[in-house]
């Protein structure tokens, strides 16, 4: 192994741009050890460890000037403290990424269940978490409460679908456009409880899907009748309000030509 290496060789070995090495040199963070008669400047193989360490610390996000300060102190405690701080940040990011993955899984699962089938199914669902208010109340759902409830790393609203509910009485009477409550629902627990929050107990649900392409939601009648016929044919009855969940909207510039996918859950007994 040779003793000295050009800037170009160091760039290839450590995958560092030449401009970065020149910047490190200009601020006296890392300078070549030798100047040749040909005018070239050379790094020593004894600098390989410091080059690797600088690259690693930069990959963690340590600012250049802070790194220079730590190195100039000549004390390993500065590096250890920086590594401990970075470790805490990494652990926090890992937790956030795990939560994000769970959200992605839930969103993908809900889209897959909702958008590709007209089948009505009987399912045992887990507890779900609702934030709702009586339909037609002033402001319907207080935006300040939602903001307050989502100020955390959970970002609850990211996976919460907008819902409307229909009472058992209206279901049985065929009033499928008469809504009782309005709000949000998610499979993930909300981080902050408030006067609008409640747990929708898990259990047996008749589940169906609804594709809506009219502003007036004319499609609701056929979708609900299909589910109610399914419930009746199996000798079941609604055990609570229907939850009509907006899972996916895939229109933006044509408000009068919507394409909206809804998942309908009706608890049964």
C-alpha atoms as a PDB file:
ATOM      1  CA  UNK A   1       0.000   0.000   0.000  1.00  0.00           C
ATOM      2  CA  UNK A   2       1.477   3.322  -1.022  1.00  0.00           C
ATOM      3  CA  UNK A   3       1.910   6.216   1.378  1.00  0.00           C
ATOM      4  CA  UNK A   4       0.425   9.226  -0.464  1.00  0.00           C
ATOM      5  CA  UNK A   5      -2.696   9.759  -2.590  1.00  0.00           C
ATOM      6  CA  UNK A   6      -3.887  12.541  -4.873  1.00  0.00           C
ATOM      7  CA  UNK A   7      -7.186  14.347  -4.401  1.00  0.00           C
ATOM      8  CA  UNK A   8      -8.613  12.368  -7.318  1.00  0.00           C
ATOM      9  CA  UNK A   9      -7.616   9.064  -5.737  1.00  0.00           C
ATOM     10  CA  UNK A  10      -9.103  10.041  -2.363  1.00  0.00           C
ATOM     11  CA  UNK A  11     -12.325  11.042  -4.128  1.00  0.00           C
ATOM     12  CA  UNK A  12     -12.588   7.577  -5.689  1.00  0.00           C
ATOM     13  CA  UNK A  13     -11.653   5.673  -2.530  1.00  0.00           C
ATOM     14  CA  UNK A  14     -14.104   7.518  -0.250  1.00  0.00           C
ATOM     15  CA  UNK A  15     -16.678   8.623  -2.836  1.00  0.00           C
ATOM     16  CA  UNK A  16     -16.182  12.265  -1.893  1.00  0.00           C
ATOM     17  CA  UNK A  17     -16.524  15.145  -4.405  1.00  0.00           C
ATOM     18  CA  UNK A  18     -13.310  17.073  -5.016  1.00  0.00           C
ATOM     19  CA  UNK A  19     -15.147  20.275  -4.120  1.00  0.00           C
ATOM     20  CA  UNK A  20     -15.875  18.874  -0.656  1.00  0.00           C
ATOM     21  CA  UNK A  21     -12.219  18.043  -0.041  1.00  0.00           C
ATOM     22  CA  UNK A  22     -11.209  21.513  -1.185  1.00  0.00           C
ATOM     23  CA  UNK A  23     -13.763  23.036   1.198  1.00  0.00           C
ATOM     24  CA  UNK A  24     -12.442  20.944   4.095  1.00  0.00           C
ATOM     25  CA  UNK A  25      -8.974  22.211   3.224  1.00  0.00           C
ATOM     26  CA  UNK A  26     -10.107  25.851   3.045  1.00  0.00           C
ATOM     27  CA  UNK A  27     -11.532  25.771   6.584  1.00  0.00           C
ATOM     28  CA  UNK A  28      -8.577  23.797   7.982  1.00  0.00           C
ATOM     29  CA  UNK A  29     -10.723  20.787   8.811  1.00  0.00           C
ATOM     30  CA  UNK A  30      -8.757  18.359   6.618  1.00  0.00           C
ATOM     31  CA  UNK A  31      -5.744  19.335   4.526  1.00  0.00           C
ATOM     32  CA  UNK A  32      -3.317  17.312   2.375  1.00  0.00           C
ATOM     33  CA  UNK A  33      -0.141  16.280   4.163  1.00  0.00           C
ATOM     34  CA  UNK A  34       2.347  16.728   1.336  1.00  0.00           C
ATOM     35  CA  UNK A  35       2.999  18.953  -1.677  1.00  0.00           C
ATOM     36  CA  UNK A  36       4.910  17.427  -4.572  1.00  0.00           C
ATOM     37  CA  UNK A  37       7.407  19.055  -6.950  1.00  0.00           C
ATOM     38  CA  UNK A  38       4.764  18.803  -9.650  1.00  0.00           C
ATOM     39  CA  UNK A  39       2.486  21.117  -7.645  1.00  0.00           C
ATOM     40  CA  UNK A  40       0.103  18.315  -6.686  1.00  0.00           C
ATOM     41  CA  UNK A  41      -0.947  17.940  -3.072  1.00  0.00           C
ATOM     42  CA  UNK A  42      -1.170  14.530  -1.478  1.00  0.00           C
ATOM     43  CA  UNK A  43      -3.094  12.964   1.391  1.00  0.00           C
ATOM     44  CA  UNK A  44      -1.370  10.414   3.572  1.00  0.00           C
ATOM     45  CA  UNK A  45      -2.771   6.958   4.234  1.00  0.00           C
ATOM     46  CA  UNK A  46      -2.531   7.893   7.912  1.00  0.00           C
ATOM     47  CA  UNK A  47      -5.419  10.311   7.225  1.00  0.00           C
ATOM     48  CA  UNK A  48      -7.769   7.567   6.048  1.00  0.00           C
ATOM     49  CA  UNK A  49      -9.310   7.118   9.490  1.00  0.00           C
ATOM     50  CA  UNK A  50     -10.054  10.830   9.962  1.00  0.00           C
ATOM     51  CA  UNK A  51     -11.484  11.014   6.422  1.00  0.00           C
ATOM     52  CA  UNK A  52     -13.790   8.083   7.192  1.00  0.00           C
ATOM     53  CA  UNK A  53     -14.800   9.548  10.532  1.00  0.00           C
ATOM     54  CA  UNK A  54     -15.622  12.950   9.031  1.00  0.00           C
ATOM     55  CA  UNK A  55     -17.712  11.261   6.335  1.00  0.00           C
ATOM     56  CA  UNK A  56     -19.569   9.234   8.950  1.00  0.00           C
ATOM     57  CA  UNK A  57     -20.272  12.200  11.211  1.00  0.00           C
ATOM     58  CA  UNK A  58     -21.493  14.224   8.243  1.00  0.00           C
ATOM     59  CA  UNK A  59     -23.819  11.361   7.265  1.00  0.00           C
ATOM     60  CA  UNK A  60     -25.359  11.675  10.738  1.00  0.00           C
ATOM     61  CA  UNK A  61     -26.008  15.347  10.091  1.00  0.00           C
ATOM     62  CA  UNK A  62     -23.287  16.875  12.277  1.00  0.00           C
ATOM     63  CA  UNK A  63     -22.661  20.426  11.001  1.00  0.00           C
ATOM     64  CA  UNK A  64     -19.196  21.073   9.611  1.00  0.00           C
ATOM     65  CA  UNK A  65     -18.309  23.887  11.992  1.00  0.00           C
ATOM     66  CA  UNK A  66     -19.506  21.900  14.997  1.00  0.00           C
ATOM     67  CA  UNK A  67     -17.469  18.912  13.864  1.00  0.00           C
ATOM     68  CA  UNK A  68     -14.405  21.116  13.438  1.00  0.00           C
ATOM     69  CA  UNK A  69     -14.879  22.439  16.975  1.00  0.00           C
ATOM     70  CA  UNK A  70     -15.156  18.924  18.424  1.00  0.00           C
ATOM     71  CA  UNK A  71     -12.034  17.748  16.622  1.00  0.00           C
ATOM     72  CA  UNK A  72     -10.035  20.801  17.652  1.00  0.00           C
ATOM     73  CA  UNK A  73     -10.743  20.042  21.321  1.00  0.00           C
ATOM     74  CA  UNK A  74      -8.675  16.860  21.049  1.00  0.00           C
ATOM     75  CA  UNK A  75     -10.988  15.109  23.507  1.00  0.00           C
ATOM     76  CA  UNK A  76     -12.950  11.925  22.603  1.00  0.00           C
ATOM     77  CA  UNK A  77     -15.751  12.985  24.959  1.00  0.00           C
ATOM     78  CA  UNK A  78     -16.943  15.532  22.373  1.00  0.00           C
ATOM     79  CA  UNK A  79     -17.309  12.807  19.739  1.00  0.00           C
ATOM     80  CA  UNK A  80     -19.044  10.480  22.225  1.00  0.00           C
ATOM     81  CA  UNK A  81     -21.526  13.185  23.199  1.00  0.00           C
ATOM     82  CA  UNK A  82     -22.296  13.909  19.550  1.00  0.00           C
ATOM     83  CA  UNK A  83     -22.814  10.203  18.859  1.00  0.00           C
ATOM     84  CA  UNK A  84     -25.166   9.862  21.858  1.00  0.00           C
ATOM     85  CA  UNK A  85     -27.193  12.840  20.661  1.00  0.00           C
ATOM     86  CA  UNK A  86     -27.384  11.386  17.174  1.00  0.00           C
ATOM     87  CA  UNK A  87     -28.398   7.997  18.544  1.00  0.00           C
ATOM     88  CA  UNK A  88     -31.380   9.551  20.324  1.00  0.00           C
ATOM     89  CA  UNK A  89     -32.422  11.313  17.143  1.00  0.00           C
ATOM     90  CA  UNK A  90     -32.075   8.091  15.142  1.00  0.00           C
ATOM     91  CA  UNK A  91     -34.206   6.174  17.642  1.00  0.00           C
ATOM     92  CA  UNK A  92     -36.858   8.876  17.375  1.00  0.00           C
ATOM     93  CA  UNK A  93     -36.778   8.676  13.590  1.00  0.00           C
ATOM     94  CA  UNK A  94     -37.046   4.873  13.706  1.00  0.00           C
ATOM     95  CA  UNK A  95     -40.150   5.164  15.885  1.00  0.00           C
ATOM     96  CA  UNK A  96     -41.632   7.710  13.481  1.00  0.00           C
ATOM     97  CA  UNK A  97     -40.863   5.479  10.491  1.00  0.00           C
ATOM     98  CA  UNK A  98     -42.480   2.473  12.181  1.00  0.00           C
ATOM     99  CA  UNK A  99     -45.596   4.556  12.785  1.00  0.00           C
ATOM    100  CA  UNK A 100     -45.500   5.793   9.192  1.00  0.00           C
ATOM    101  CA  UNK A 101     -45.218   2.209   7.901  1.00  0.00           C
ATOM    102  CA  UNK A 102     -48.235   1.219   9.970  1.00  0.00           C
ATOM    103  CA  UNK A 103     -50.171   4.106   8.469  1.00  0.00           C
ATOM    104  CA  UNK A 104     -49.123   3.101   4.948  1.00  0.00           C
ATOM    105  CA  UNK A 105     -50.211  -0.491   5.614  1.00  0.00           C
ATOM    106  CA  UNK A 106     -53.600   0.665   6.924  1.00  0.00           C
ATOM    107  CA  UNK A 107     -54.193   3.044   4.039  1.00  0.00           C
ATOM    108  CA  UNK A 108     -53.221   0.428   1.453  1.00  0.00           C
ATOM    109  CA  UNK A 109     -55.408  -2.193   3.156  1.00  0.00           C
ATOM    110  CA  UNK A 110     -58.438   0.110   3.245  1.00  0.00           C
ATOM    111  CA  UNK A 111     -58.043   1.061  -0.411  1.00  0.00           C
ATOM    112  CA  UNK A 112     -57.650  -2.595  -1.420  1.00  0.00           C
ATOM    113  CA  UNK A 113     -60.798  -3.581   0.495  1.00  0.00           C
ATOM    114  CA  UNK A 114     -62.856  -0.646  -0.742  1.00  0.00           C
ATOM    115  CA  UNK A 115     -62.004   0.106  -4.339  1.00  0.00           C
ATOM    116  CA  UNK A 116     -61.961  -3.219  -6.134  1.00  0.00           C
ATOM    117  CA  UNK A 117     -65.072  -5.151  -5.081  1.00  0.00           C
ATOM    118  CA  UNK A 118     -68.836  -4.812  -4.670  1.00  0.00           C
ATOM    119  CA  UNK A 119     -68.977  -7.841  -2.381  1.00  0.00           C
ATOM    120  CA  UNK A 120     -70.719  -7.505   0.975  1.00  0.00           C
ATOM    121  CA  UNK A 121     -68.871  -9.347   3.733  1.00  0.00           C
ATOM    122  CA  UNK A 122     -69.352 -10.264   7.364  1.00  0.00           C
ATOM    123  CA  UNK A 123     -66.223  -9.361   9.309  1.00  0.00           C
ATOM    124  CA  UNK A 124     -64.939  -9.274  12.861  1.00  0.00           C
ATOM    125  CA  UNK A 125     -63.377  -5.835  13.140  1.00  0.00           C
ATOM    126  CA  UNK A 126     -61.121  -4.511  15.908  1.00  0.00           C
ATOM    127  CA  UNK A 127     -61.832  -1.384  17.920  1.00  0.00           C
ATOM    128  CA  UNK A 128     -61.734   1.802  15.884  1.00  0.00           C
ATOM    129  CA  UNK A 129     -61.329   5.351  17.102  1.00  0.00           C
ATOM    130  CA  UNK A 130     -63.842   8.062  16.272  1.00  0.00           C
ATOM    131  CA  UNK A 131     -63.998  11.798  16.669  1.00  0.00           C
ATOM    132  CA  UNK A 132     -67.485  13.004  15.775  1.00  0.00           C
ATOM    133  CA  UNK A 133     -70.247  15.499  16.427  1.00  0.00           C
ATOM    134  CA  UNK A 134     -74.008  15.551  15.731  1.00  0.00           C
ATOM    135  CA  UNK A 135     -74.599  16.279  12.057  1.00  0.00           C
ATOM    136  CA  UNK A 136     -75.813  19.782  11.339  1.00  0.00           C
ATOM    137  CA  UNK A 137     -74.413  21.329  14.524  1.00  0.00           C
ATOM    138  CA  UNK A 138     -72.698  24.665  14.172  1.00  0.00           C
ATOM    139  CA  UNK A 139     -69.234  24.076  12.659  1.00  0.00           C
ATOM    140  CA  UNK A 140     -70.104  20.346  12.684  1.00  0.00           C
ATOM    141  CA  UNK A 141     -66.672  19.429  14.009  1.00  0.00           C
ATOM    142  CA  UNK A 142     -64.623  22.060  15.763  1.00  0.00           C
ATOM    143  CA  UNK A 143     -61.386  22.463  13.792  1.00  0.00           C
ATOM    144  CA  UNK A 144     -59.544  23.622  16.909  1.00  0.00           C
ATOM    145  CA  UNK A 145     -60.279  20.304  18.591  1.00  0.00           C
ATOM    146  CA  UNK A 146     -58.908  18.369  15.625  1.00  0.00           C
ATOM    147  CA  UNK A 147     -55.757  20.489  15.564  1.00  0.00           C
ATOM    148  CA  UNK A 148     -55.317  19.960  19.294  1.00  0.00           C
ATOM    149  CA  UNK A 149     -55.842  16.226  18.952  1.00  0.00           C
ATOM    150  CA  UNK A 150     -53.270  15.831  16.212  1.00  0.00           C
ATOM    151  CA  UNK A 151     -50.357  17.792  17.682  1.00  0.00           C
ATOM    152  CA  UNK A 152     -48.164  14.767  18.252  1.00  0.00           C
ATOM    153  CA  UNK A 153     -45.861  12.376  16.426  1.00  0.00           C
ATOM    154  CA  UNK A 154     -48.856  10.097  15.830  1.00  0.00           C
ATOM    155  CA  UNK A 155     -50.405  12.594  13.371  1.00  0.00           C
ATOM    156  CA  UNK A 156     -53.707  10.829  13.920  1.00  0.00           C
ATOM    157  CA  UNK A 157     -55.572  12.672  11.188  1.00  0.00           C
ATOM    158  CA  UNK A 158     -53.198  11.269   8.533  1.00  0.00           C
ATOM    159  CA  UNK A 159     -54.977   7.917   8.637  1.00  0.00           C
ATOM    160  CA  UNK A 160     -58.405   9.116   9.736  1.00  0.00           C
ATOM    161  CA  UNK A 161     -61.164   8.926   7.149  1.00  0.00           C
ATOM    162  CA  UNK A 162     -64.064  11.348   7.111  1.00  0.00           C
ATOM    163  CA  UNK A 163     -67.269   9.625   8.186  1.00  0.00           C
ATOM    164  CA  UNK A 164     -70.995  10.134   8.417  1.00  0.00           C
ATOM    165  CA  UNK A 165     -73.257   7.885  10.457  1.00  0.00           C
ATOM    166  CA  UNK A 166     -76.833   6.739   9.856  1.00  0.00           C
ATOM    167  CA  UNK A 167     -78.985   5.698  12.807  1.00  0.00           C
ATOM    168  CA  UNK A 168     -80.500   2.232  13.118  1.00  0.00           C
ATOM    169  CA  UNK A 169     -83.979   3.726  12.749  1.00  0.00           C
ATOM    170  CA  UNK A 170     -83.094   5.379   9.455  1.00  0.00           C
ATOM    171  CA  UNK A 171     -81.389   2.218   8.218  1.00  0.00           C
ATOM    172  CA  UNK A 172     -84.514   0.172   8.892  1.00  0.00           C
ATOM    173  CA  UNK A 173     -86.741   2.835   7.312  1.00  0.00           C
ATOM    174  CA  UNK A 174     -84.563   3.130   4.203  1.00  0.00           C
ATOM    175  CA  UNK A 175     -83.496   6.721   4.899  1.00  0.00           C
ATOM    176  CA  UNK A 176     -79.990   6.384   3.559  1.00  0.00           C
ATOM    177  CA  UNK A 177     -79.339  10.116   3.156  1.00  0.00           C
ATOM    178  CA  UNK A 178     -80.313  11.116   6.682  1.00  0.00           C
ATOM    179  CA  UNK A 179     -77.094  11.478   8.654  1.00  0.00           C
ATOM    180  CA  UNK A 180     -76.807  11.397  12.431  1.00  0.00           C
ATOM    181  CA  UNK A 181     -73.171  12.304  13.087  1.00  0.00           C
ATOM    182  CA  UNK A 182     -70.159  13.555  11.166  1.00  0.00           C
ATOM    183  CA  UNK A 183     -66.475  13.237  11.931  1.00  0.00           C
ATOM    184  CA  UNK A 184     -63.369  11.084  11.585  1.00  0.00           C
ATOM    185  CA  UNK A 185     -62.409   7.467  12.169  1.00  0.00           C
ATOM    186  CA  UNK A 186     -59.106   5.573  12.261  1.00  0.00           C
ATOM    187  CA  UNK A 187     -57.751   2.197  13.264  1.00  0.00           C
ATOM    188  CA  UNK A 188     -55.032   4.030  15.163  1.00  0.00           C
ATOM    189  CA  UNK A 189     -55.728   5.383  18.661  1.00  0.00           C
ATOM    190  CA  UNK A 190     -55.899   9.143  18.889  1.00  0.00           C
ATOM    191  CA  UNK A 191     -53.033  10.643  20.906  1.00  0.00           C
ATOM    192  CA  UNK A 192     -55.237  13.147  22.728  1.00  0.00           C
ATOM    193  CA  UNK A 193     -58.799  12.593  23.940  1.00  0.00           C
ATOM    194  CA  UNK A 194     -61.374  15.364  23.881  1.00  0.00           C
ATOM    195  CA  UNK A 195     -65.133  15.740  24.128  1.00  0.00           C
ATOM    196  CA  UNK A 196     -65.587  14.463  20.577  1.00  0.00           C
ATOM    197  CA  UNK A 197     -63.637  11.208  20.906  1.00  0.00           C
ATOM    198  CA  UNK A 198     -65.041   7.750  21.444  1.00  0.00           C
ATOM    199  CA  UNK A 199     -64.052   4.153  20.785  1.00  0.00           C
ATOM    200  CA  UNK A 200     -66.171   2.206  18.309  1.00  0.00           C
ATOM    201  CA  UNK A 201     -66.135  -1.265  19.906  1.00  0.00           C
ATOM    202  CA  UNK A 202     -64.920  -4.080  17.729  1.00  0.00           C
ATOM    203  CA  UNK A 203     -67.193  -6.965  16.837  1.00  0.00           C
ATOM    204  CA  UNK A 204     -69.266  -8.345  13.980  1.00  0.00           C
ATOM    205  CA  UNK A 205     -69.938  -5.946  11.092  1.00  0.00           C
ATOM    206  CA  UNK A 206     -71.598  -6.214   7.706  1.00  0.00           C
ATOM    207  CA  UNK A 207     -69.220  -4.389   5.377  1.00  0.00           C
ATOM    208  CA  UNK A 208     -69.822  -3.106   1.875  1.00  0.00           C
ATOM    209  CA  UNK A 209     -68.403  -0.624  -0.593  1.00  0.00           C
ATOM    210  CA  UNK A 210     -69.838   2.304  -2.493  1.00  0.00           C
ATOM    211  CA  UNK A 211     -68.462   4.085  -5.547  1.00  0.00           C
ATOM    212  CA  UNK A 212     -69.932   7.578  -5.785  1.00  0.00           C
ATOM    213  CA  UNK A 213     -69.804   9.551  -9.028  1.00  0.00           C
ATOM    214  CA  UNK A 214     -72.620  12.010  -8.383  1.00  0.00           C
ATOM    215  CA  UNK A 215     -72.571  15.082  -6.167  1.00  0.00           C
ATOM    216  CA  UNK A 216     -75.945  14.040  -4.705  1.00  0.00           C
ATOM    217  CA  UNK A 217     -74.667  10.543  -3.759  1.00  0.00           C
ATOM    218  CA  UNK A 218     -77.484   8.843  -5.634  1.00  0.00           C
ATOM    219  CA  UNK A 219     -75.483   5.607  -5.438  1.00  0.00           C
ATOM    220  CA  UNK A 220     -76.052   5.360  -1.668  1.00  0.00           C
ATOM    221  CA  UNK A 221     -79.554   3.864  -2.001  1.00  0.00           C
ATOM    222  CA  UNK A 222     -78.434   0.825  -3.987  1.00  0.00           C
ATOM    223  CA  UNK A 223     -75.322   0.318  -1.846  1.00  0.00           C
ATOM    224  CA  UNK A 224     -77.223   0.390   1.455  1.00  0.00           C
ATOM    225  CA  UNK A 225     -80.049  -1.805   0.152  1.00  0.00           C
ATOM    226  CA  UNK A 226     -77.487  -4.374  -0.913  1.00  0.00           C
ATOM    227  CA  UNK A 227     -75.977  -4.422   2.568  1.00  0.00           C
ATOM    228  CA  UNK A 228     -79.336  -4.422   4.345  1.00  0.00           C
ATOM    229  CA  UNK A 229     -80.550  -7.324   2.159  1.00  0.00           C
ATOM    230  CA  UNK A 230     -77.350  -9.186   3.065  1.00  0.00           C
ATOM    231  CA  UNK A 231     -78.017  -8.585   6.784  1.00  0.00           C
ATOM    232  CA  UNK A 232     -81.661  -9.679   6.565  1.00  0.00           C
ATOM    233  CA  UNK A 233     -80.853 -12.804   4.527  1.00  0.00           C
ATOM    234  CA  UNK A 234     -78.597 -14.027   7.334  1.00  0.00           C
ATOM    235  CA  UNK A 235     -81.115 -13.450  10.081  1.00  0.00           C
ATOM    236  CA  UNK A 236     -79.172 -10.525  11.514  1.00  0.00           C
ATOM    237  CA  UNK A 237     -80.200  -7.014  12.550  1.00  0.00           C
ATOM    238  CA  UNK A 238     -78.259  -3.737  12.822  1.00  0.00           C
ATOM    239  CA  UNK A 239     -76.805  -3.338  16.312  1.00  0.00           C
ATOM    240  CA  UNK A 240     -75.743   0.293  15.908  1.00  0.00           C
ATOM    241  CA  UNK A 241     -75.404   3.160  13.439  1.00  0.00           C
ATOM    242  CA  UNK A 242     -73.851   2.611  10.034  1.00  0.00           C
ATOM    243  CA  UNK A 243     -70.412   4.155   9.582  1.00  0.00           C
ATOM    244  CA  UNK A 244     -69.970   5.567   6.080  1.00  0.00           C
ATOM    245  CA  UNK A 245     -66.244   6.148   5.608  1.00  0.00           C
ATOM    246  CA  UNK A 246     -64.697   8.131   2.789  1.00  0.00           C
ATOM    247  CA  UNK A 247     -61.626   6.039   1.938  1.00  0.00           C
ATOM    248  CA  UNK A 248     -60.408   7.596  -1.299  1.00  0.00           C
ATOM    249  CA  UNK A 249     -61.186  10.576  -3.538  1.00  0.00           C
ATOM    250  CA  UNK A 250     -59.439  10.592  -6.917  1.00  0.00           C
ATOM    251  CA  UNK A 251     -60.657  13.799  -8.478  1.00  0.00           C
ATOM    252  CA  UNK A 252     -59.461  17.355  -7.991  1.00  0.00           C
ATOM    253  CA  UNK A 253     -60.206  19.747 -10.827  1.00  0.00           C
ATOM    254  CA  UNK A 254     -63.726  18.469 -11.580  1.00  0.00           C
ATOM    255  CA  UNK A 255     -65.770  19.063  -8.403  1.00  0.00           C
ATOM    256  CA  UNK A 256     -69.028  18.280 -10.197  1.00  0.00           C
ATOM    257  CA  UNK A 257     -67.682  14.959 -11.497  1.00  0.00           C
ATOM    258  CA  UNK A 258     -66.531  13.190  -8.317  1.00  0.00           C
ATOM    259  CA  UNK A 259     -64.992   9.764  -8.025  1.00  0.00           C
ATOM    260  CA  UNK A 260     -65.217   8.777  -4.374  1.00  0.00           C
ATOM    261  CA  UNK A 261     -64.874   5.385  -2.730  1.00  0.00           C
ATOM    262  CA  UNK A 262     -66.654   4.688   0.552  1.00  0.00           C
ATOM    263  CA  UNK A 263     -66.493   1.761   2.981  1.00  0.00           C
ATOM    264  CA  UNK A 264     -69.693   1.128   4.929  1.00  0.00           C
ATOM    265  CA  UNK A 265     -69.609  -0.662   8.287  1.00  0.00           C
ATOM    266  CA  UNK A 266     -72.835  -1.740   9.991  1.00  0.00           C
ATOM    267  CA  UNK A 267     -72.541  -3.522  13.382  1.00  0.00           C
ATOM    268  CA  UNK A 268     -74.867  -6.503  13.510  1.00  0.00           C
ATOM    269  CA  UNK A 269     -76.248  -9.002  16.001  1.00  0.00           C
END
